[in-house]
């Protein structure tokens, strides 16, 4: 069993996804997920635009640092423009997300382009979340505009159930 000392800082996985077409009835069409590497505890934020990712990260970091007294040390993500920035004629221009991480002394780890398997934790977590939300919506008579609630329930359930990866539930390890 891992000690609490190992959880004195956070390594996060953070993908941004455009919601699937069945969920596009909602105003919030993008989701960003923050997943703690130690506990696999996940947070979901709903975004109107991908450009809001840095705002969601700032809210998340403030919440974690104040409530749990933990510091975020590493953020692992893909090389999407919202994280990494864009290329122009003079080379790489760091995006707001990359600048935020640098300003706060957080190490940014980026996966290679076209290799989602390098961010497997986030990819599996997202697939499970979306499958759960899709299942909840398909087996209920609720309007599709309520998909955001199904997504929040799905992340809650994932945080409360044990898995083979961690010795306890993500919630028990997180708190």
C-alpha atoms as a PDB file:
ATOM      1  CA  UNK A   1       0.000   0.000   0.000  1.00  0.00           C
ATOM      2  CA  UNK A   2       1.262   3.463  -0.882  1.00  0.00           C
ATOM      3  CA  UNK A   3       1.956   5.841   1.965  1.00  0.00           C
ATOM      4  CA  UNK A   4       0.346   9.221   2.457  1.00  0.00           C
ATOM      5  CA  UNK A   5       3.800  10.757   1.994  1.00  0.00           C
ATOM      6  CA  UNK A   6       3.641   9.722  -1.640  1.00  0.00           C
ATOM      7  CA  UNK A   7       0.572  11.931  -1.974  1.00  0.00           C
ATOM      8  CA  UNK A   8       2.186  15.097  -0.662  1.00  0.00           C
ATOM      9  CA  UNK A   9       2.099  16.533  -4.180  1.00  0.00           C
ATOM     10  CA  UNK A  10      -0.022  15.978  -7.252  1.00  0.00           C
ATOM     11  CA  UNK A  11       0.694  14.714 -10.725  1.00  0.00           C
ATOM     12  CA  UNK A  12      -2.318  15.379 -12.935  1.00  0.00           C
ATOM     13  CA  UNK A  13      -3.567  14.007 -16.212  1.00  0.00           C
ATOM     14  CA  UNK A  14      -5.740  16.525 -17.999  1.00  0.00           C
ATOM     15  CA  UNK A  15      -7.449  15.892 -21.302  1.00  0.00           C
ATOM     16  CA  UNK A  16      -9.948  18.244 -22.947  1.00  0.00           C
ATOM     17  CA  UNK A  17     -12.656  16.673 -25.011  1.00  0.00           C
ATOM     18  CA  UNK A  18     -15.351  17.945 -27.281  1.00  0.00           C
ATOM     19  CA  UNK A  19     -18.571  16.312 -26.195  1.00  0.00           C
ATOM     20  CA  UNK A  20     -20.032  13.718 -28.494  1.00  0.00           C
ATOM     21  CA  UNK A  21     -22.708  14.749 -30.967  1.00  0.00           C
ATOM     22  CA  UNK A  22     -25.540  13.340 -28.865  1.00  0.00           C
ATOM     23  CA  UNK A  23     -24.647  15.806 -26.119  1.00  0.00           C
ATOM     24  CA  UNK A  24     -24.387  18.919 -28.273  1.00  0.00           C
ATOM     25  CA  UNK A  25     -27.783  20.219 -27.161  1.00  0.00           C
ATOM     26  CA  UNK A  26     -26.083  21.765 -24.154  1.00  0.00           C
ATOM     27  CA  UNK A  27     -24.324  25.129 -24.191  1.00  0.00           C
ATOM     28  CA  UNK A  28     -21.238  23.541 -22.665  1.00  0.00           C
ATOM     29  CA  UNK A  29     -19.757  21.409 -25.381  1.00  0.00           C
ATOM     30  CA  UNK A  30     -16.291  20.783 -23.957  1.00  0.00           C
ATOM     31  CA  UNK A  31     -15.114  19.030 -20.838  1.00  0.00           C
ATOM     32  CA  UNK A  32     -11.781  19.104 -19.061  1.00  0.00           C
ATOM     33  CA  UNK A  33     -10.879  16.355 -16.653  1.00  0.00           C
ATOM     34  CA  UNK A  34      -8.233  16.529 -13.938  1.00  0.00           C
ATOM     35  CA  UNK A  35      -7.111  13.108 -12.698  1.00  0.00           C
ATOM     36  CA  UNK A  36      -4.721  12.620  -9.786  1.00  0.00           C
ATOM     37  CA  UNK A  37      -2.065  10.022 -10.610  1.00  0.00           C
ATOM     38  CA  UNK A  38      -1.787   8.704  -7.040  1.00  0.00           C
ATOM     39  CA  UNK A  39      -5.459   8.180  -6.209  1.00  0.00           C
ATOM     40  CA  UNK A  40      -7.093   8.326  -9.668  1.00  0.00           C
ATOM     41  CA  UNK A  41      -9.549  10.831  -8.191  1.00  0.00           C
ATOM     42  CA  UNK A  42     -11.138  12.858 -10.963  1.00  0.00           C
ATOM     43  CA  UNK A  43     -12.680  16.295 -11.368  1.00  0.00           C
ATOM     44  CA  UNK A  44     -14.747  17.342 -14.369  1.00  0.00           C
ATOM     45  CA  UNK A  45     -15.246  20.931 -15.459  1.00  0.00           C
ATOM     46  CA  UNK A  46     -17.661  21.872 -18.220  1.00  0.00           C
ATOM     47  CA  UNK A  47     -16.440  24.510 -20.654  1.00  0.00           C
ATOM     48  CA  UNK A  48     -18.122  26.638 -23.298  1.00  0.00           C
ATOM     49  CA  UNK A  49     -14.842  26.869 -25.231  1.00  0.00           C
ATOM     50  CA  UNK A  50     -11.487  25.119 -25.038  1.00  0.00           C
ATOM     51  CA  UNK A  51      -9.878  28.481 -24.337  1.00  0.00           C
ATOM     52  CA  UNK A  52     -11.418  28.325 -20.834  1.00  0.00           C
ATOM     53  CA  UNK A  53      -9.066  25.452 -19.908  1.00  0.00           C
ATOM     54  CA  UNK A  54      -6.609  27.713 -18.109  1.00  0.00           C
ATOM     55  CA  UNK A  55      -9.439  29.194 -16.012  1.00  0.00           C
ATOM     56  CA  UNK A  56     -10.587  25.695 -15.022  1.00  0.00           C
ATOM     57  CA  UNK A  57      -7.010  24.734 -14.118  1.00  0.00           C
ATOM     58  CA  UNK A  58      -6.635  27.833 -11.961  1.00  0.00           C
ATOM     59  CA  UNK A  59      -9.906  27.092 -10.126  1.00  0.00           C
ATOM     60  CA  UNK A  60      -8.886  23.472  -9.642  1.00  0.00           C
ATOM     61  CA  UNK A  61      -5.398  24.309  -8.334  1.00  0.00           C
ATOM     62  CA  UNK A  62      -6.757  26.896  -5.901  1.00  0.00           C
ATOM     63  CA  UNK A  63      -9.323  24.410  -4.618  1.00  0.00           C
ATOM     64  CA  UNK A  64      -6.792  21.607  -4.139  1.00  0.00           C
ATOM     65  CA  UNK A  65      -4.154  23.790  -2.520  1.00  0.00           C
ATOM     66  CA  UNK A  66      -6.590  25.373  -0.068  1.00  0.00           C
ATOM     67  CA  UNK A  67      -8.738  22.373   0.829  1.00  0.00           C
ATOM     68  CA  UNK A  68      -6.215  19.539   0.752  1.00  0.00           C
ATOM     69  CA  UNK A  69      -2.966  21.424   1.344  1.00  0.00           C
ATOM     70  CA  UNK A  70      -1.392  19.711  -1.685  1.00  0.00           C
ATOM     71  CA  UNK A  71       0.749  21.257  -4.409  1.00  0.00           C
ATOM     72  CA  UNK A  72       0.366  20.415  -8.069  1.00  0.00           C
ATOM     73  CA  UNK A  73       3.824  19.540  -9.367  1.00  0.00           C
ATOM     74  CA  UNK A  74       3.209  17.976 -12.796  1.00  0.00           C
ATOM     75  CA  UNK A  75       0.466  18.299 -15.410  1.00  0.00           C
ATOM     76  CA  UNK A  76       0.480  15.731 -18.208  1.00  0.00           C
ATOM     77  CA  UNK A  77      -1.490  16.519 -21.344  1.00  0.00           C
ATOM     78  CA  UNK A  78      -1.496  16.135 -25.082  1.00  0.00           C
ATOM     79  CA  UNK A  79      -0.008  18.724 -27.393  1.00  0.00           C
ATOM     80  CA  UNK A  80      -3.337  20.369 -28.143  1.00  0.00           C
ATOM     81  CA  UNK A  81      -3.278  24.067 -28.936  1.00  0.00           C
ATOM     82  CA  UNK A  82      -5.160  24.891 -25.744  1.00  0.00           C
ATOM     83  CA  UNK A  83      -2.277  23.389 -23.730  1.00  0.00           C
ATOM     84  CA  UNK A  84       0.875  23.683 -25.736  1.00  0.00           C
ATOM     85  CA  UNK A  85       0.306  26.742 -27.877  1.00  0.00           C
ATOM     86  CA  UNK A  86       0.577  27.251 -31.612  1.00  0.00           C
ATOM     87  CA  UNK A  87       3.349  27.403 -34.144  1.00  0.00           C
ATOM     88  CA  UNK A  88       3.872  30.512 -36.196  1.00  0.00           C
ATOM     89  CA  UNK A  89       6.579  31.636 -38.619  1.00  0.00           C
ATOM     90  CA  UNK A  90       9.018  32.316 -35.767  1.00  0.00           C
ATOM     91  CA  UNK A  91       8.471  28.963 -34.049  1.00  0.00           C
ATOM     92  CA  UNK A  92       6.550  27.780 -30.998  1.00  0.00           C
ATOM     93  CA  UNK A  93       4.396  30.347 -29.180  1.00  0.00           C
ATOM     94  CA  UNK A  94       3.480  29.119 -25.709  1.00  0.00           C
ATOM     95  CA  UNK A  95      -0.249  29.153 -25.033  1.00  0.00           C
ATOM     96  CA  UNK A  96      -1.961  30.567 -21.955  1.00  0.00           C
ATOM     97  CA  UNK A  97      -2.036  27.128 -20.352  1.00  0.00           C
ATOM     98  CA  UNK A  98       1.729  26.615 -20.797  1.00  0.00           C
ATOM     99  CA  UNK A  99       2.429  30.131 -19.529  1.00  0.00           C
ATOM    100  CA  UNK A 100       0.240  29.519 -16.462  1.00  0.00           C
ATOM    101  CA  UNK A 101       2.117  26.311 -15.630  1.00  0.00           C
ATOM    102  CA  UNK A 102       5.482  27.998 -16.080  1.00  0.00           C
ATOM    103  CA  UNK A 103       4.445  30.979 -13.935  1.00  0.00           C
ATOM    104  CA  UNK A 104       3.401  28.671 -11.083  1.00  0.00           C
ATOM    105  CA  UNK A 105       6.448  26.386 -11.312  1.00  0.00           C
ATOM    106  CA  UNK A 106       4.428  23.382 -12.462  1.00  0.00           C
ATOM    107  CA  UNK A 107       6.204  20.910 -14.733  1.00  0.00           C
ATOM    108  CA  UNK A 108       4.369  20.393 -18.023  1.00  0.00           C
ATOM    109  CA  UNK A 109       4.649  16.936 -19.573  1.00  0.00           C
ATOM    110  CA  UNK A 110       3.325  16.620 -23.112  1.00  0.00           C
ATOM    111  CA  UNK A 111       2.643  13.435 -25.014  1.00  0.00           C
ATOM    112  CA  UNK A 112       3.880  13.008 -28.566  1.00  0.00           C
ATOM    113  CA  UNK A 113       1.389  13.956 -31.286  1.00  0.00           C
ATOM    114  CA  UNK A 114      -0.844  11.097 -32.412  1.00  0.00           C
ATOM    115  CA  UNK A 115      -0.011   8.861 -29.433  1.00  0.00           C
ATOM    116  CA  UNK A 116      -3.007   8.802 -27.093  1.00  0.00           C
ATOM    117  CA  UNK A 117      -1.602   5.638 -25.481  1.00  0.00           C
ATOM    118  CA  UNK A 118       1.024   7.835 -23.776  1.00  0.00           C
ATOM    119  CA  UNK A 119      -1.807   9.482 -21.846  1.00  0.00           C
ATOM    120  CA  UNK A 120      -3.598   6.190 -21.246  1.00  0.00           C
ATOM    121  CA  UNK A 121      -4.882   7.044 -17.751  1.00  0.00           C
ATOM    122  CA  UNK A 122      -6.737  10.070 -19.082  1.00  0.00           C
ATOM    123  CA  UNK A 123      -7.956   8.287 -22.206  1.00  0.00           C
ATOM    124  CA  UNK A 124      -9.374   5.335 -20.240  1.00  0.00           C
ATOM    125  CA  UNK A 125     -10.921   7.625 -17.637  1.00  0.00           C
ATOM    126  CA  UNK A 126     -12.595   9.706 -20.319  1.00  0.00           C
ATOM    127  CA  UNK A 127     -13.885   6.665 -22.209  1.00  0.00           C
ATOM    128  CA  UNK A 128     -15.352   5.214 -19.019  1.00  0.00           C
ATOM    129  CA  UNK A 129     -16.937   8.542 -18.065  1.00  0.00           C
ATOM    130  CA  UNK A 130     -18.505   9.080 -21.460  1.00  0.00           C
ATOM    131  CA  UNK A 131     -19.738   5.471 -21.624  1.00  0.00           C
ATOM    132  CA  UNK A 132     -21.336   5.830 -18.189  1.00  0.00           C
ATOM    133  CA  UNK A 133     -23.007   9.131 -19.094  1.00  0.00           C
ATOM    134  CA  UNK A 134     -24.198   7.720 -22.433  1.00  0.00           C
ATOM    135  CA  UNK A 135     -25.623   4.640 -20.698  1.00  0.00           C
ATOM    136  CA  UNK A 136     -27.430   6.719 -18.083  1.00  0.00           C
ATOM    137  CA  UNK A 137     -28.971   8.907 -20.742  1.00  0.00           C
ATOM    138  CA  UNK A 138     -29.971   6.025 -23.026  1.00  0.00           C
ATOM    139  CA  UNK A 139     -31.688   4.068 -20.226  1.00  0.00           C
ATOM    140  CA  UNK A 140     -33.635   7.033 -18.907  1.00  0.00           C
ATOM    141  CA  UNK A 141     -36.389   9.127 -20.374  1.00  0.00           C
ATOM    142  CA  UNK A 142     -34.566  12.347 -19.535  1.00  0.00           C
ATOM    143  CA  UNK A 143     -33.885  14.955 -22.203  1.00  0.00           C
ATOM    144  CA  UNK A 144     -30.385  14.936 -23.681  1.00  0.00           C
ATOM    145  CA  UNK A 145     -29.882  18.489 -22.442  1.00  0.00           C
ATOM    146  CA  UNK A 146     -29.268  16.951 -18.989  1.00  0.00           C
ATOM    147  CA  UNK A 147     -26.138  15.097 -20.102  1.00  0.00           C
ATOM    148  CA  UNK A 148     -23.965  17.327 -17.918  1.00  0.00           C
ATOM    149  CA  UNK A 149     -25.688  15.975 -14.825  1.00  0.00           C
ATOM    150  CA  UNK A 150     -25.127  12.406 -16.024  1.00  0.00           C
ATOM    151  CA  UNK A 151     -21.442  13.236 -16.483  1.00  0.00           C
ATOM    152  CA  UNK A 152     -21.157  14.668 -12.972  1.00  0.00           C
ATOM    153  CA  UNK A 153     -22.876  11.602 -11.517  1.00  0.00           C
ATOM    154  CA  UNK A 154     -20.509   9.360 -13.490  1.00  0.00           C
ATOM    155  CA  UNK A 155     -17.395  11.079 -12.092  1.00  0.00           C
ATOM    156  CA  UNK A 156     -18.881  10.896  -8.594  1.00  0.00           C
ATOM    157  CA  UNK A 157     -19.457   7.152  -8.974  1.00  0.00           C
ATOM    158  CA  UNK A 158     -15.971   6.540 -10.374  1.00  0.00           C
ATOM    159  CA  UNK A 159     -14.478   8.371  -7.395  1.00  0.00           C
ATOM    160  CA  UNK A 160     -16.457   6.223  -4.952  1.00  0.00           C
ATOM    161  CA  UNK A 161     -15.809   2.723  -6.291  1.00  0.00           C
ATOM    162  CA  UNK A 162     -12.603   0.695  -5.881  1.00  0.00           C
ATOM    163  CA  UNK A 163     -10.471  -0.319  -8.828  1.00  0.00           C
ATOM    164  CA  UNK A 164      -7.576  -2.683  -9.441  1.00  0.00           C
ATOM    165  CA  UNK A 165      -5.154   0.230  -9.786  1.00  0.00           C
ATOM    166  CA  UNK A 166      -5.406   1.695  -6.275  1.00  0.00           C
ATOM    167  CA  UNK A 167      -5.764  -0.107  -2.921  1.00  0.00           C
ATOM    168  CA  UNK A 168      -8.780   1.922  -1.752  1.00  0.00           C
ATOM    169  CA  UNK A 169     -11.393   4.025  -3.472  1.00  0.00           C
ATOM    170  CA  UNK A 170     -10.115   7.195  -5.129  1.00  0.00           C
ATOM    171  CA  UNK A 171     -12.176   9.238  -2.658  1.00  0.00           C
ATOM    172  CA  UNK A 172     -10.543   7.571   0.370  1.00  0.00           C
ATOM    173  CA  UNK A 173      -7.073   8.228  -1.002  1.00  0.00           C
ATOM    174  CA  UNK A 174      -7.896  11.776  -2.047  1.00  0.00           C
ATOM    175  CA  UNK A 175      -9.264  12.973   1.292  1.00  0.00           C
END
